[in-house]
């Protein structure tokens, strides 16, 4: 089965999260960054990172997987999901060009 492309939006527990996180939250965010680095190294993730939206920051990722279920499984293991109650949205997308 060929891989599809998916856009992920990672939504923090509050709009001000990126500027007022406490030490425990900062620690979990570092675990999150390390988790996504591994996904990038394994060629699951194509690109990921924070978006500095004036209305409130959030994270994005673009990944490749056979099905959305595969993406949900990966996101369910993200440290931000269990440790900080982040939520996420997944959208299938058509890649116009490879980064």
C-alpha atoms as a PDB file:
ATOM      1  CA  UNK A   1       0.000   0.000   0.000  1.00  0.00           C
ATOM      2  CA  UNK A   2       1.350   3.416  -0.967  1.00  0.00           C
ATOM      3  CA  UNK A   3       1.811   6.101   1.640  1.00  0.00           C
ATOM      4  CA  UNK A   4      -0.500   9.089   1.808  1.00  0.00           C
ATOM      5  CA  UNK A   5       0.414  12.517   3.146  1.00  0.00           C
ATOM      6  CA  UNK A   6      -1.179  13.901   6.285  1.00  0.00           C
ATOM      7  CA  UNK A   7      -1.149  17.333   7.913  1.00  0.00           C
ATOM      8  CA  UNK A   8      -1.295  17.285  11.713  1.00  0.00           C
ATOM      9  CA  UNK A   9      -2.198  20.257  13.872  1.00  0.00           C
ATOM     10  CA  UNK A  10      -1.189  19.851  17.519  1.00  0.00           C
ATOM     11  CA  UNK A  11      -3.301  22.092  19.748  1.00  0.00           C
ATOM     12  CA  UNK A  12      -1.956  23.058  23.190  1.00  0.00           C
ATOM     13  CA  UNK A  13      -4.105  23.075  26.331  1.00  0.00           C
ATOM     14  CA  UNK A  14      -4.205  26.909  26.342  1.00  0.00           C
ATOM     15  CA  UNK A  15      -3.402  29.663  23.799  1.00  0.00           C
ATOM     16  CA  UNK A  16      -0.593  31.115  25.936  1.00  0.00           C
ATOM     17  CA  UNK A  17       1.144  27.747  26.409  1.00  0.00           C
ATOM     18  CA  UNK A  18       4.282  28.568  24.414  1.00  0.00           C
ATOM     19  CA  UNK A  19       5.043  31.643  26.537  1.00  0.00           C
ATOM     20  CA  UNK A  20       3.967  30.549  30.018  1.00  0.00           C
ATOM     21  CA  UNK A  21       4.714  26.825  30.329  1.00  0.00           C
ATOM     22  CA  UNK A  22       6.049  25.648  33.672  1.00  0.00           C
ATOM     23  CA  UNK A  23       9.088  23.410  34.243  1.00  0.00           C
ATOM     24  CA  UNK A  24       7.116  20.146  34.084  1.00  0.00           C
ATOM     25  CA  UNK A  25       5.457  21.241  30.846  1.00  0.00           C
ATOM     26  CA  UNK A  26       8.841  22.273  29.435  1.00  0.00           C
ATOM     27  CA  UNK A  27      10.231  18.810  30.275  1.00  0.00           C
ATOM     28  CA  UNK A  28       7.357  17.066  28.481  1.00  0.00           C
ATOM     29  CA  UNK A  29       7.779  19.379  25.492  1.00  0.00           C
ATOM     30  CA  UNK A  30      11.439  18.339  25.273  1.00  0.00           C
ATOM     31  CA  UNK A  31      10.291  14.699  25.244  1.00  0.00           C
ATOM     32  CA  UNK A  32       7.861  15.659  22.465  1.00  0.00           C
ATOM     33  CA  UNK A  33      10.670  17.234  20.409  1.00  0.00           C
ATOM     34  CA  UNK A  34      12.828  14.124  20.872  1.00  0.00           C
ATOM     35  CA  UNK A  35       9.884  11.905  19.864  1.00  0.00           C
ATOM     36  CA  UNK A  36       9.385  13.865  16.640  1.00  0.00           C
ATOM     37  CA  UNK A  37      13.112  13.879  15.901  1.00  0.00           C
ATOM     38  CA  UNK A  38      12.957  10.080  15.922  1.00  0.00           C
ATOM     39  CA  UNK A  39       9.942  10.162  13.585  1.00  0.00           C
ATOM     40  CA  UNK A  40      11.897  12.433  11.251  1.00  0.00           C
ATOM     41  CA  UNK A  41      14.923  10.112  11.372  1.00  0.00           C
ATOM     42  CA  UNK A  42      12.659   7.151  10.507  1.00  0.00           C
ATOM     43  CA  UNK A  43      11.221   9.071   7.512  1.00  0.00           C
ATOM     44  CA  UNK A  44       7.705   9.003   8.971  1.00  0.00           C
ATOM     45  CA  UNK A  45       7.723  12.766   9.476  1.00  0.00           C
ATOM     46  CA  UNK A  46       8.631  15.046   6.585  1.00  0.00           C
ATOM     47  CA  UNK A  47       8.596  18.290   8.555  1.00  0.00           C
ATOM     48  CA  UNK A  48       7.378  19.443  11.956  1.00  0.00           C
ATOM     49  CA  UNK A  49       7.604  22.460  14.227  1.00  0.00           C
ATOM     50  CA  UNK A  50       5.856  25.252  16.070  1.00  0.00           C
ATOM     51  CA  UNK A  51       3.685  27.880  14.402  1.00  0.00           C
ATOM     52  CA  UNK A  52       3.884  31.321  15.988  1.00  0.00           C
ATOM     53  CA  UNK A  53       0.284  32.424  15.444  1.00  0.00           C
ATOM     54  CA  UNK A  54      -0.486  35.720  17.259  1.00  0.00           C
ATOM     55  CA  UNK A  55      -3.837  34.234  18.326  1.00  0.00           C
ATOM     56  CA  UNK A  56      -2.049  31.337  20.036  1.00  0.00           C
ATOM     57  CA  UNK A  57       0.731  29.041  18.939  1.00  0.00           C
ATOM     58  CA  UNK A  58       0.331  25.419  17.896  1.00  0.00           C
ATOM     59  CA  UNK A  59       2.437  22.715  16.310  1.00  0.00           C
ATOM     60  CA  UNK A  60       2.251  21.197  12.863  1.00  0.00           C
ATOM     61  CA  UNK A  61       3.627  18.100  11.267  1.00  0.00           C
ATOM     62  CA  UNK A  62       3.473  16.627   7.806  1.00  0.00           C
ATOM     63  CA  UNK A  63       3.840  12.872   7.751  1.00  0.00           C
ATOM     64  CA  UNK A  64       3.562   9.933   5.385  1.00  0.00           C
ATOM     65  CA  UNK A  65       1.633   6.793   6.285  1.00  0.00           C
ATOM     66  CA  UNK A  66      -0.550   4.190   4.566  1.00  0.00           C
ATOM     67  CA  UNK A  67      -3.697   5.172   6.503  1.00  0.00           C
ATOM     68  CA  UNK A  68      -4.934   7.778   8.958  1.00  0.00           C
ATOM     69  CA  UNK A  69      -5.129   5.056  11.614  1.00  0.00           C
ATOM     70  CA  UNK A  70      -1.326   4.782  11.482  1.00  0.00           C
ATOM     71  CA  UNK A  71      -1.024   8.504  12.125  1.00  0.00           C
ATOM     72  CA  UNK A  72      -3.479   8.336  15.049  1.00  0.00           C
ATOM     73  CA  UNK A  73      -1.457   5.524  16.630  1.00  0.00           C
ATOM     74  CA  UNK A  74       1.713   7.627  16.412  1.00  0.00           C
ATOM     75  CA  UNK A  75      -0.062  10.685  17.828  1.00  0.00           C
ATOM     76  CA  UNK A  76      -1.548   8.684  20.693  1.00  0.00           C
ATOM     77  CA  UNK A  77       2.028   7.883  21.777  1.00  0.00           C
ATOM     78  CA  UNK A  78       3.165  11.518  21.619  1.00  0.00           C
ATOM     79  CA  UNK A  79       4.226  12.691  25.121  1.00  0.00           C
ATOM     80  CA  UNK A  80       2.058  15.816  24.786  1.00  0.00           C
ATOM     81  CA  UNK A  81      -1.080  13.692  24.422  1.00  0.00           C
ATOM     82  CA  UNK A  82      -0.791  11.900  27.744  1.00  0.00           C
ATOM     83  CA  UNK A  83       1.328  14.334  29.721  1.00  0.00           C
ATOM     84  CA  UNK A  84      -0.220  17.674  28.801  1.00  0.00           C
ATOM     85  CA  UNK A  85      -3.646  16.916  27.348  1.00  0.00           C
ATOM     86  CA  UNK A  86      -2.852  18.384  23.955  1.00  0.00           C
ATOM     87  CA  UNK A  87      -5.350  17.569  21.242  1.00  0.00           C
ATOM     88  CA  UNK A  88      -4.657  17.077  17.569  1.00  0.00           C
ATOM     89  CA  UNK A  89      -6.349  17.222  14.198  1.00  0.00           C
ATOM     90  CA  UNK A  90      -5.338  15.109  11.208  1.00  0.00           C
ATOM     91  CA  UNK A  91      -6.112  15.991   7.600  1.00  0.00           C
ATOM     92  CA  UNK A  92      -5.172  14.002   4.520  1.00  0.00           C
ATOM     93  CA  UNK A  93      -3.413  16.226   2.025  1.00  0.00           C
ATOM     94  CA  UNK A  94      -2.081  16.054  -1.482  1.00  0.00           C
ATOM     95  CA  UNK A  95       1.643  16.780  -1.664  1.00  0.00           C
ATOM     96  CA  UNK A  96       2.486  19.118  -4.516  1.00  0.00           C
ATOM     97  CA  UNK A  97       6.228  18.792  -4.064  1.00  0.00           C
ATOM     98  CA  UNK A  98       8.573  16.915  -1.843  1.00  0.00           C
ATOM     99  CA  UNK A  99      10.456  19.046   0.670  1.00  0.00           C
END
